[in-house]
Amino acid sequence: MKKEVSIPFYQNTISAGFPSLGDDSVEERLDLNELLIKHPAATFFLRVSGSSMIGAGIHEGDILIVDRSLKPVHGKIVIASLNGDLTVKRLSIEGKKTKLVAENVAYPPIDISEEIDFRVWGVVTNVIHSV
């Protein structure tokens, strides 16, 4: 049985500009599962390999949180299977044309044709990224 771990969550914000005064009081506890996983039975994690999504802030080695229960709509970042191979790309749907678009100019868009075995496995909801 896994033990739930909640971590202190300070309610005051942190300045990304000029420094602000800190507050040492913890106002609540934060459970990362509760924050990041809305549909546990439909959620899975994947580690990223490659650089095709760096423009979206997704880097080599990042962990993606993917929700299979969400509808893959235009503009969402999805995990897709193309002829059995998985990829992460931005979904583009314009009329009857579907494309998977990289967020790196070094990678061309992938046009989805009837000849391709195409399935969306899920929608990326969060990225766990080390700094």
C-alpha atoms as a PDB file:
ATOM      1  CA  MET A   1       0.000   0.000   0.000  1.00  0.00           C
ATOM      2  CA  LYS A   2       1.406   3.377  -1.004  1.00  0.00           C
ATOM      3  CA  LYS A   3       1.647   6.092   1.575  1.00  0.00           C
ATOM      4  CA  GLU A   4       0.171   9.441   0.548  1.00  0.00           C
ATOM      5  CA  VAL A   5       2.617  12.268   0.890  1.00  0.00           C
ATOM      6  CA  SER A   6       1.493  15.844   1.198  1.00  0.00           C
ATOM      7  CA  ILE A   7       4.000  18.638   0.981  1.00  0.00           C
ATOM      8  CA  PRO A   8       3.795  22.102   2.572  1.00  0.00           C
ATOM      9  CA  PHE A   9       2.172  24.648   0.278  1.00  0.00           C
ATOM     10  CA  TYR A  10       2.750  28.329   0.978  1.00  0.00           C
ATOM     11  CA  GLN A  11      -0.176  30.452  -0.169  1.00  0.00           C
ATOM     12  CA  ASN A  12       1.850  33.594  -0.809  1.00  0.00           C
ATOM     13  CA  THR A  13       3.244  33.947  -4.310  1.00  0.00           C
ATOM     14  CA  ILE A  14       6.910  34.214  -5.218  1.00  0.00           C
ATOM     15  CA  SER A  15       8.167  37.121  -7.261  1.00  0.00           C
ATOM     16  CA  ALA A  16       9.836  36.358 -10.558  1.00  0.00           C
ATOM     17  CA  GLY A  17      10.783  40.036 -10.803  1.00  0.00           C
ATOM     18  CA  PHE A  18      11.910  42.038  -7.788  1.00  0.00           C
ATOM     19  CA  PRO A  19      12.303  40.184  -4.467  1.00  0.00           C
ATOM     20  CA  SER A  20       9.359  40.240  -2.067  1.00  0.00           C
ATOM     21  CA  LEU A  21       9.199  39.651   1.664  1.00  0.00           C
ATOM     22  CA  GLY A  22       8.769  35.995   2.643  1.00  0.00           C
ATOM     23  CA  ASP A  23       6.273  34.483   5.047  1.00  0.00           C
ATOM     24  CA  ASP A  24       7.229  31.417   7.060  1.00  0.00           C
ATOM     25  CA  SER A  25       3.695  30.226   7.727  1.00  0.00           C
ATOM     26  CA  VAL A  26       2.401  27.142   5.948  1.00  0.00           C
ATOM     27  CA  GLU A  27      -1.250  27.708   5.127  1.00  0.00           C
ATOM     28  CA  GLU A  28      -2.118  24.210   3.887  1.00  0.00           C
ATOM     29  CA  ARG A  29      -0.684  20.921   2.662  1.00  0.00           C
ATOM     30  CA  LEU A  30      -0.533  20.123  -1.032  1.00  0.00           C
ATOM     31  CA  ASP A  31      -0.971  16.637  -2.481  1.00  0.00           C
ATOM     32  CA  LEU A  32       0.613  16.608  -5.946  1.00  0.00           C
ATOM     33  CA  ASN A  33      -1.631  13.720  -7.025  1.00  0.00           C
ATOM     34  CA  GLU A  34      -4.691  15.816  -6.231  1.00  0.00           C
ATOM     35  CA  LEU A  35      -3.257  18.837  -8.041  1.00  0.00           C
ATOM     36  CA  LEU A  36      -1.951  17.112 -11.179  1.00  0.00           C
ATOM     37  CA  ILE A  37      -4.170  14.059 -11.691  1.00  0.00           C
ATOM     38  CA  LYS A  38      -7.869  14.749 -12.277  1.00  0.00           C
ATOM     39  CA  HIS A  39      -8.820  11.275 -13.585  1.00  0.00           C
ATOM     40  CA  PRO A  40      -6.550   8.690 -11.866  1.00  0.00           C
ATOM     41  CA  ALA A  41      -7.966   5.654 -13.691  1.00  0.00           C
ATOM     42  CA  ALA A  42      -7.310   7.327 -17.070  1.00  0.00           C
ATOM     43  CA  THR A  43      -3.912   8.884 -16.315  1.00  0.00           C
ATOM     44  CA  PHE A  44      -0.441   7.634 -17.167  1.00  0.00           C
ATOM     45  CA  PHE A  45       3.115   9.015 -17.290  1.00  0.00           C
ATOM     46  CA  LEU A  46       5.700   8.991 -20.089  1.00  0.00           C
ATOM     47  CA  ARG A  47       9.303  10.156 -20.240  1.00  0.00           C
ATOM     48  CA  VAL A  48      10.243  12.335 -23.222  1.00  0.00           C
ATOM     49  CA  SER A  49      12.962  11.430 -25.684  1.00  0.00           C
ATOM     50  CA  GLY A  50      13.971  13.963 -28.319  1.00  0.00           C
ATOM     51  CA  SER A  51      13.647  17.680 -28.919  1.00  0.00           C
ATOM     52  CA  SER A  52      10.637  18.146 -31.201  1.00  0.00           C
ATOM     53  CA  MET A  53       8.556  19.900 -28.516  1.00  0.00           C
ATOM     54  CA  ILE A  54      11.078  22.291 -26.951  1.00  0.00           C
ATOM     55  CA  GLY A  55       9.068  25.315 -28.078  1.00  0.00           C
ATOM     56  CA  ALA A  56       6.222  24.112 -25.853  1.00  0.00           C
ATOM     57  CA  GLY A  57       8.563  23.744 -22.864  1.00  0.00           C
ATOM     58  CA  ILE A  58       8.858  19.953 -23.224  1.00  0.00           C
ATOM     59  CA  HIS A  59      12.475  18.798 -23.078  1.00  0.00           C
ATOM     60  CA  GLU A  60      14.454  15.577 -23.282  1.00  0.00           C
ATOM     61  CA  GLY A  61      13.975  13.615 -20.039  1.00  0.00           C
ATOM     62  CA  ASP A  62      10.822  15.449 -18.916  1.00  0.00           C
ATOM     63  CA  ILE A  63       7.917  13.407 -17.585  1.00  0.00           C
ATOM     64  CA  LEU A  64       4.525  13.971 -19.195  1.00  0.00           C
ATOM     65  CA  ILE A  65       1.252  13.474 -17.363  1.00  0.00           C
ATOM     66  CA  VAL A  66      -1.290  12.200 -19.876  1.00  0.00           C
ATOM     67  CA  ASP A  67      -5.071  11.919 -19.433  1.00  0.00           C
ATOM     68  CA  ARG A  68      -6.846   9.425 -21.706  1.00  0.00           C
ATOM     69  CA  SER A  69     -10.298  10.656 -20.669  1.00  0.00           C
ATOM     70  CA  LEU A  70      -9.874  14.098 -22.244  1.00  0.00           C
ATOM     71  CA  LYS A  71     -11.054  14.756 -25.788  1.00  0.00           C
ATOM     72  CA  PRO A  72      -8.176  15.430 -28.195  1.00  0.00           C
ATOM     73  CA  VAL A  73      -9.110  18.755 -29.769  1.00  0.00           C
ATOM     74  CA  HIS A  74      -7.338  21.223 -32.047  1.00  0.00           C
ATOM     75  CA  GLY A  75      -4.382  22.890 -30.320  1.00  0.00           C
ATOM     76  CA  LYS A  76      -3.900  20.333 -27.541  1.00  0.00           C
ATOM     77  CA  ILE A  77      -0.629  18.480 -27.063  1.00  0.00           C
ATOM     78  CA  VAL A  78      -1.296  14.773 -27.462  1.00  0.00           C
ATOM     79  CA  ILE A  79       0.377  11.406 -27.317  1.00  0.00           C
ATOM     80  CA  ALA A  80      -0.347   9.735 -30.651  1.00  0.00           C
ATOM     81  CA  SER A  81       0.396   6.367 -32.152  1.00  0.00           C
ATOM     82  CA  LEU A  82       1.519   6.457 -35.786  1.00  0.00           C
ATOM     83  CA  ASN A  83       1.735   2.955 -37.249  1.00  0.00           C
ATOM     84  CA  GLY A  84       2.484   1.665 -33.743  1.00  0.00           C
ATOM     85  CA  ASP A  85       5.128   4.259 -32.812  1.00  0.00           C
ATOM     86  CA  LEU A  86       4.345   6.814 -30.086  1.00  0.00           C
ATOM     87  CA  THR A  87       5.034  10.518 -30.466  1.00  0.00           C
ATOM     88  CA  VAL A  88       4.155  13.722 -28.623  1.00  0.00           C
ATOM     89  CA  LYS A  89       2.971  16.595 -30.831  1.00  0.00           C
ATOM     90  CA  ARG A  90       0.419  19.405 -30.998  1.00  0.00           C
ATOM     91  CA  LEU A  91      -2.814  18.311 -32.668  1.00  0.00           C
ATOM     92  CA  SER A  92      -3.954  20.454 -35.591  1.00  0.00           C
ATOM     93  CA  ILE A  93      -7.420  19.898 -37.041  1.00  0.00           C
ATOM     94  CA  GLU A  94      -8.481  22.218 -39.866  1.00  0.00           C
ATOM     95  CA  GLY A  95     -11.621  21.049 -41.628  1.00  0.00           C
ATOM     96  CA  LYS A  96     -10.963  17.474 -42.722  1.00  0.00           C
ATOM     97  CA  LYS A  97      -7.166  17.821 -42.454  1.00  0.00           C
ATOM     98  CA  THR A  98      -5.424  16.495 -39.357  1.00  0.00           C
ATOM     99  CA  LYS A  99      -1.756  17.139 -38.633  1.00  0.00           C
ATOM    100  CA  LEU A 100       0.647  16.550 -35.792  1.00  0.00           C
ATOM    101  CA  VAL A 101       2.800  19.623 -35.382  1.00  0.00           C
ATOM    102  CA  ALA A 102       6.175  19.807 -33.656  1.00  0.00           C
ATOM    103  CA  GLU A 103       7.179  22.814 -31.564  1.00  0.00           C
ATOM    104  CA  ASN A 104      10.636  22.907 -33.132  1.00  0.00           C
ATOM    105  CA  VAL A 105      11.231  24.218 -36.665  1.00  0.00           C
ATOM    106  CA  ALA A 106      13.698  21.376 -37.307  1.00  0.00           C
ATOM    107  CA  TYR A 107      10.748  18.945 -37.458  1.00  0.00           C
ATOM    108  CA  PRO A 108       8.131  19.163 -40.235  1.00  0.00           C
ATOM    109  CA  PRO A 109       4.415  18.648 -39.519  1.00  0.00           C
ATOM    110  CA  ILE A 110       3.062  15.130 -39.985  1.00  0.00           C
ATOM    111  CA  ASP A 111       0.012  14.971 -42.247  1.00  0.00           C
ATOM    112  CA  ILE A 112      -2.372  12.251 -41.122  1.00  0.00           C
ATOM    113  CA  SER A 113      -3.626  10.327 -44.157  1.00  0.00           C
ATOM    114  CA  GLU A 114      -5.891   7.301 -44.441  1.00  0.00           C
ATOM    115  CA  GLU A 115      -2.800   5.125 -45.027  1.00  0.00           C
ATOM    116  CA  ILE A 116      -1.471   5.875 -41.529  1.00  0.00           C
ATOM    117  CA  ASP A 117      -2.684   3.859 -38.552  1.00  0.00           C
ATOM    118  CA  PHE A 118      -3.332   6.893 -36.327  1.00  0.00           C
ATOM    119  CA  ARG A 119      -4.678   6.864 -32.772  1.00  0.00           C
ATOM    120  CA  VAL A 120      -4.548   9.423 -30.005  1.00  0.00           C
ATOM    121  CA  TRP A 121      -3.597   7.786 -26.716  1.00  0.00           C
ATOM    122  CA  GLY A 122      -4.279  10.825 -24.559  1.00  0.00           C
ATOM    123  CA  VAL A 123      -3.933  14.537 -23.934  1.00  0.00           C
ATOM    124  CA  VAL A 124      -0.873  15.913 -22.132  1.00  0.00           C
ATOM    125  CA  THR A 125      -2.023  17.843 -19.057  1.00  0.00           C
ATOM    126  CA  ASN A 126       1.272  18.614 -17.295  1.00  0.00           C
ATOM    127  CA  VAL A 127       5.019  18.426 -17.727  1.00  0.00           C
ATOM    128  CA  ILE A 128       7.393  17.575 -14.875  1.00  0.00           C
ATOM    129  CA  HIS A 129      10.570  19.410 -15.768  1.00  0.00           C
ATOM    130  CA  SER A 130      13.812  19.590 -13.804  1.00  0.00           C
ATOM    131  CA  VAL A 131      15.673  22.912 -13.702  1.00  0.00           C
END
